[in-house]
């Protein structure tokens, strides 16, 4: 049970760190997300049609 609690606490601490980063740097996080989405979509029919390359 202690191991499960330790793993849960580790996950929660990491997630809180991510959330704090998102709240502190919303523009940076959104830009990275947009770039990732465009790069992922560049080889789709839609991406090729609208030059996502």
PDB file of N, CA and C in Angstrom:
ATOM      1  N   UNK A   1       0.822  -1.197   0.000  1.00  0.00           N
ATOM      2  CA  UNK A   1       0.000   0.000   0.000  1.00  0.00           C
ATOM      3  C   UNK A   1       0.865   1.260   0.000  1.00  0.00           C
ATOM      4  N   UNK A   2       1.962   1.219   0.771  1.00  0.00           N
ATOM      5  CA  UNK A   2       2.868   2.360   0.829  1.00  0.00           C
ATOM      6  C   UNK A   2       3.473   2.649  -0.542  1.00  0.00           C
ATOM      7  N   UNK A   3       3.812   1.587  -1.268  1.00  0.00           N
ATOM      8  CA  UNK A   3       4.375   1.760  -2.609  1.00  0.00           C
ATOM      9  C   UNK A   3       3.370   2.448  -3.524  1.00  0.00           C
ATOM     10  N   UNK A   4       2.124   2.047  -3.435  1.00  0.00           N
ATOM     11  CA  UNK A   4       1.076   2.662  -4.242  1.00  0.00           C
ATOM     12  C   UNK A   4       0.919   4.136  -3.893  1.00  0.00           C
ATOM     13  N   UNK A   5       0.968   4.463  -2.621  1.00  0.00           N
ATOM     14  CA  UNK A   5       0.879   5.863  -2.196  1.00  0.00           C
ATOM     15  C   UNK A   5       2.064   6.672  -2.711  1.00  0.00           C
ATOM     16  N   UNK A   6       3.261   6.092  -2.637  1.00  0.00           N
ATOM     17  CA  UNK A   6       4.456   6.795  -3.126  1.00  0.00           C
ATOM     18  C   UNK A   6       4.373   7.050  -4.627  1.00  0.00           C
ATOM     19  N   UNK A   7       3.907   6.061  -5.382  1.00  0.00           N
ATOM     20  CA  UNK A   7       3.761   6.239  -6.828  1.00  0.00           C
ATOM     21  C   UNK A   7       2.706   7.303  -7.140  1.00  0.00           C
ATOM     22  N   UNK A   8       1.612   7.282  -6.400  1.00  0.00           N
ATOM     23  CA  UNK A   8       0.565   8.285  -6.591  1.00  0.00           C
ATOM     24  C   UNK A   8       1.074   9.681  -6.287  1.00  0.00           C
ATOM     25  N   UNK A   9       1.829   9.821  -5.208  1.00  0.00           N
ATOM     26  CA  UNK A   9       2.390  11.123  -4.843  1.00  0.00           C
ATOM     27  C   UNK A   9       3.374  11.621  -5.895  1.00  0.00           C
ATOM     28  N   UNK A  10       4.191  10.719  -6.419  1.00  0.00           N
ATOM     29  CA  UNK A  10       5.147  11.097  -7.463  1.00  0.00           C
ATOM     30  C   UNK A  10       4.412  11.602  -8.699  1.00  0.00           C
ATOM     31  N   UNK A  11       3.375  10.888  -9.105  1.00  0.00           N
ATOM     32  CA  UNK A  11       2.589  11.302 -10.265  1.00  0.00           C
ATOM     33  C   UNK A  11       1.954  12.672 -10.033  1.00  0.00           C
ATOM     34  N   UNK A  12       1.378  12.861  -8.876  1.00  0.00           N
ATOM     35  CA  UNK A  12       0.705  14.127  -8.568  1.00  0.00           C
ATOM     36  C   UNK A  12       1.699  15.288  -8.558  1.00  0.00           C
ATOM     37  N   UNK A  13       2.870  15.081  -7.976  1.00  0.00           N
ATOM     38  CA  UNK A  13       3.890  16.143  -7.947  1.00  0.00           C
ATOM     39  C   UNK A  13       4.333  16.515  -9.354  1.00  0.00           C
ATOM     40  N   UNK A  14       4.524  15.507 -10.202  1.00  0.00           N
ATOM     41  CA  UNK A  14       4.918  15.791 -11.583  1.00  0.00           C
ATOM     42  C   UNK A  14       3.815  16.536 -12.316  1.00  0.00           C
ATOM     43  N   UNK A  15       2.581  16.119 -12.115  1.00  0.00           N
ATOM     44  CA  UNK A  15       1.459  16.757 -12.801  1.00  0.00           C
ATOM     45  C   UNK A  15       1.279  18.196 -12.339  1.00  0.00           C
ATOM     46  N   UNK A  16       1.439  18.446 -11.044  1.00  0.00           N
ATOM     47  CA  UNK A  16       1.332  19.813 -10.528  1.00  0.00           C
ATOM     48  C   UNK A  16       2.424  20.690 -11.133  1.00  0.00           C
ATOM     49  N   UNK A  17       3.616  20.137 -11.304  1.00  0.00           N
ATOM     50  CA  UNK A  17       4.696  20.875 -11.955  1.00  0.00           C
ATOM     51  C   UNK A  17       4.348  21.246 -13.380  1.00  0.00           C
ATOM     52  N   UNK A  18       3.733  20.311 -14.101  1.00  0.00           N
ATOM     53  CA  UNK A  18       3.314  20.601 -15.472  1.00  0.00           C
ATOM     54  C   UNK A  18       2.250  21.696 -15.496  1.00  0.00           C
ATOM     55  N   UNK A  19       1.286  21.592 -14.621  1.00  0.00           N
ATOM     56  CA  UNK A  19       0.208  22.581 -14.577  1.00  0.00           C
ATOM     57  C   UNK A  19       0.763  23.956 -14.234  1.00  0.00           C
ATOM     58  N   UNK A  20       1.689  24.023 -13.291  1.00  0.00           N
ATOM     59  CA  UNK A  20       2.315  25.306 -12.946  1.00  0.00           C
ATOM     60  C   UNK A  20       3.038  25.896 -14.149  1.00  0.00           C
ATOM     61  N   UNK A  21       3.723  25.037 -14.911  1.00  0.00           N
ATOM     62  CA  UNK A  21       4.414  25.514 -16.123  1.00  0.00           C
ATOM     63  C   UNK A  21       3.407  26.044 -17.134  1.00  0.00           C
ATOM     64  N   UNK A  22       2.297  25.334 -17.334  1.00  0.00           N
ATOM     65  CA  UNK A  22       1.271  25.782 -18.271  1.00  0.00           C
ATOM     66  C   UNK A  22       0.705  27.129 -17.852  1.00  0.00           C
ATOM     67  N   UNK A  23       0.478  27.304 -16.562  1.00  0.00           N
ATOM     68  CA  UNK A  23      -0.100  28.554 -16.071  1.00  0.00           C
ATOM     69  C   UNK A  23       0.898  29.709 -16.163  1.00  0.00           C
ATOM     70  N   UNK A  24       2.171  29.414 -15.998  1.00  0.00           N
ATOM     71  CA  UNK A  24       3.199  30.457 -16.035  1.00  0.00           C
ATOM     72  C   UNK A  24       3.598  30.850 -17.449  1.00  0.00           C
ATOM     73  N   UNK A  25       3.441  29.943 -18.392  1.00  0.00           N
ATOM     74  CA  UNK A  25       3.911  30.164 -19.772  1.00  0.00           C
ATOM     75  C   UNK A  25       2.850  29.773 -20.793  1.00  0.00           C
ATOM     76  N   UNK A  26       1.665  30.362 -20.739  1.00  0.00           N
ATOM     77  CA  UNK A  26       0.597  29.905 -21.640  1.00  0.00           C
ATOM     78  C   UNK A  26       0.915  30.112 -23.119  1.00  0.00           C
ATOM     79  N   UNK A  27       1.561  31.213 -23.461  1.00  0.00           N
ATOM     80  CA  UNK A  27       1.855  31.466 -24.875  1.00  0.00           C
ATOM     81  C   UNK A  27       2.860  30.453 -25.407  1.00  0.00           C
ATOM     82  N   UNK A  28       3.881  30.167 -24.635  1.00  0.00           N
ATOM     83  CA  UNK A  28       4.898  29.200 -25.042  1.00  0.00           C
ATOM     84  C   UNK A  28       4.289  27.811 -25.205  1.00  0.00           C
ATOM     85  N   UNK A  29       3.467  27.411 -24.249  1.00  0.00           N
ATOM     86  CA  UNK A  29       2.835  26.092 -24.297  1.00  0.00           C
ATOM     87  C   UNK A  29       1.910  25.988 -25.503  1.00  0.00           C
ATOM     88  N   UNK A  30       1.127  27.017 -25.766  1.00  0.00           N
ATOM     89  CA  UNK A  30       0.211  26.993 -26.904  1.00  0.00           C
ATOM     90  C   UNK A  30       0.967  26.993 -28.225  1.00  0.00           C
ATOM     91  N   UNK A  31       2.059  27.742 -28.297  1.00  0.00           N
ATOM     92  CA  UNK A  31       2.850  27.761 -29.532  1.00  0.00           C
ATOM     93  C   UNK A  31       3.440  26.384 -29.808  1.00  0.00           C
ATOM     94  N   UNK A  32       3.981  25.744 -28.780  1.00  0.00           N
ATOM     95  CA  UNK A  32       4.545  24.408 -28.954  1.00  0.00           C
ATOM     96  C   UNK A  32       3.469  23.410 -29.371  1.00  0.00           C
ATOM     97  N   UNK A  33       2.295  23.538 -28.793  1.00  0.00           N
ATOM     98  CA  UNK A  33       1.182  22.662 -29.143  1.00  0.00           C
ATOM     99  C   UNK A  33       0.779  22.873 -30.601  1.00  0.00           C
ATOM    100  N   UNK A  34       0.669  24.128 -31.028  1.00  0.00           N
ATOM    101  CA  UNK A  34       0.307  24.436 -32.411  1.00  0.00           C
ATOM    102  C   UNK A  34       1.346  23.881 -33.383  1.00  0.00           C
ATOM    103  N   UNK A  35       2.614  24.080 -33.084  1.00  0.00           N
ATOM    104  CA  UNK A  35       3.679  23.575 -33.958  1.00  0.00           C
ATOM    105  C   UNK A  35       3.596  22.062 -34.063  1.00  0.00           C
ATOM    106  N   UNK A  36       3.362  21.404 -32.947  1.00  0.00           N
ATOM    107  CA  UNK A  36       3.239  19.950 -32.942  1.00  0.00           C
ATOM    108  C   UNK A  36       2.052  19.504 -33.798  1.00  0.00           C
ATOM    109  N   UNK A  37       0.924  20.180 -33.671  1.00  0.00           N
ATOM    110  CA  UNK A  37      -0.260  19.821 -34.457  1.00  0.00           C
ATOM    111  C   UNK A  37      -0.019  20.018 -35.955  1.00  0.00           C
ATOM    112  N   UNK A  38       0.620  21.131 -36.319  1.00  0.00           N
ATOM    113  CA  UNK A  38       0.884  21.405 -37.739  1.00  0.00           C
ATOM    114  C   UNK A  38       1.868  20.380 -38.296  1.00  0.00           C
ATOM    115  N   UNK A  39       2.904  20.057 -37.532  1.00  0.00           N
ATOM    116  CA  UNK A  39       3.869  19.061 -37.999  1.00  0.00           C
ATOM    117  C   UNK A  39       3.228  17.690 -38.155  1.00  0.00           C
ATOM    118  N   UNK A  40       2.343  17.352 -37.242  1.00  0.00           N
ATOM    119  CA  UNK A  40       1.652  16.072 -37.317  1.00  0.00           C
ATOM    120  C   UNK A  40       0.723  16.027 -38.530  1.00  0.00           C
ATOM    121  N   UNK A  41       0.106  17.146 -38.853  1.00  0.00           N
ATOM    122  CA  UNK A  41      -0.878  17.194 -39.942  1.00  0.00           C
ATOM    123  C   UNK A  41      -0.253  17.431 -41.311  1.00  0.00           C
ATOM    124  N   UNK A  42       1.025  17.710 -41.392  1.00  0.00           N
ATOM    125  CA  UNK A  42       1.610  18.091 -42.680  1.00  0.00           C
ATOM    126  C   UNK A  42       1.554  16.986 -43.722  1.00  0.00           C
ATOM    127  N   UNK A  43       1.501  15.748 -43.313  1.00  0.00           N
ATOM    128  CA  UNK A  43       1.455  14.656 -44.284  1.00  0.00           C
ATOM    129  C   UNK A  43       0.041  14.134 -44.528  1.00  0.00           C
ATOM    130  N   UNK A  44      -0.937  14.846 -44.025  1.00  0.00           N
ATOM    131  CA  UNK A  44      -2.321  14.469 -44.306  1.00  0.00           C
ATOM    132  C   UNK A  44      -2.766  15.149 -45.599  1.00  0.00           C
ATOM    133  N   UNK A  45      -3.896  14.725 -46.121  1.00  0.00           N
ATOM    134  CA  UNK A  45      -4.424  15.354 -47.326  1.00  0.00           C
ATOM    135  C   UNK A  45      -4.650  16.848 -47.095  1.00  0.00           C
ATOM    136  N   UNK A  46      -5.212  17.191 -45.949  1.00  0.00           N
ATOM    137  CA  UNK A  46      -5.483  18.590 -45.602  1.00  0.00           C
ATOM    138  C   UNK A  46      -4.170  19.373 -45.473  1.00  0.00           C
ATOM    139  N   UNK A  47      -3.185  18.782 -44.825  1.00  0.00           N
ATOM    140  CA  UNK A  47      -1.892  19.442 -44.656  1.00  0.00           C
ATOM    141  C   UNK A  47      -1.189  19.697 -45.974  1.00  0.00           C
ATOM    142  N   UNK A  48      -1.272  18.746 -46.870  1.00  0.00           N
ATOM    143  CA  UNK A  48      -0.659  18.936 -48.198  1.00  0.00           C
ATOM    144  C   UNK A  48      -1.420  20.006 -48.986  1.00  0.00           C
ATOM    145  N   UNK A  49      -2.741  19.997 -48.864  1.00  0.00           N
ATOM    146  CA  UNK A  49      -3.547  20.970 -49.606  1.00  0.00           C
ATOM    147  C   UNK A  49      -3.231  22.399 -49.177  1.00  0.00           C
ATOM    148  N   UNK A  50      -3.013  22.608 -47.868  1.00  0.00           N
ATOM    149  CA  UNK A  50      -2.773  23.950 -47.355  1.00  0.00           C
ATOM    150  C   UNK A  50      -1.320  24.208 -46.967  1.00  0.00           C
ATOM    151  N   UNK A  51      -0.416  23.406 -47.504  1.00  0.00           N
ATOM    152  CA  UNK A  51       1.035  23.597 -47.366  1.00  0.00           C
ATOM    153  C   UNK A  51       1.494  23.714 -45.909  1.00  0.00           C
ATOM    154  N   UNK A  52       1.225  22.686 -45.121  1.00  0.00           N
ATOM    155  CA  UNK A  52       1.676  22.674 -43.734  1.00  0.00           C
ATOM    156  C   UNK A  52       3.152  22.301 -43.607  1.00  0.00           C
ATOM    157  N   UNK A  53       3.813  22.011 -44.695  1.00  0.00           N
ATOM    158  CA  UNK A  53       5.193  21.519 -44.651  1.00  0.00           C
ATOM    159  C   UNK A  53       6.143  22.427 -43.965  1.00  0.00           C
TER     160      UNK A  53
END
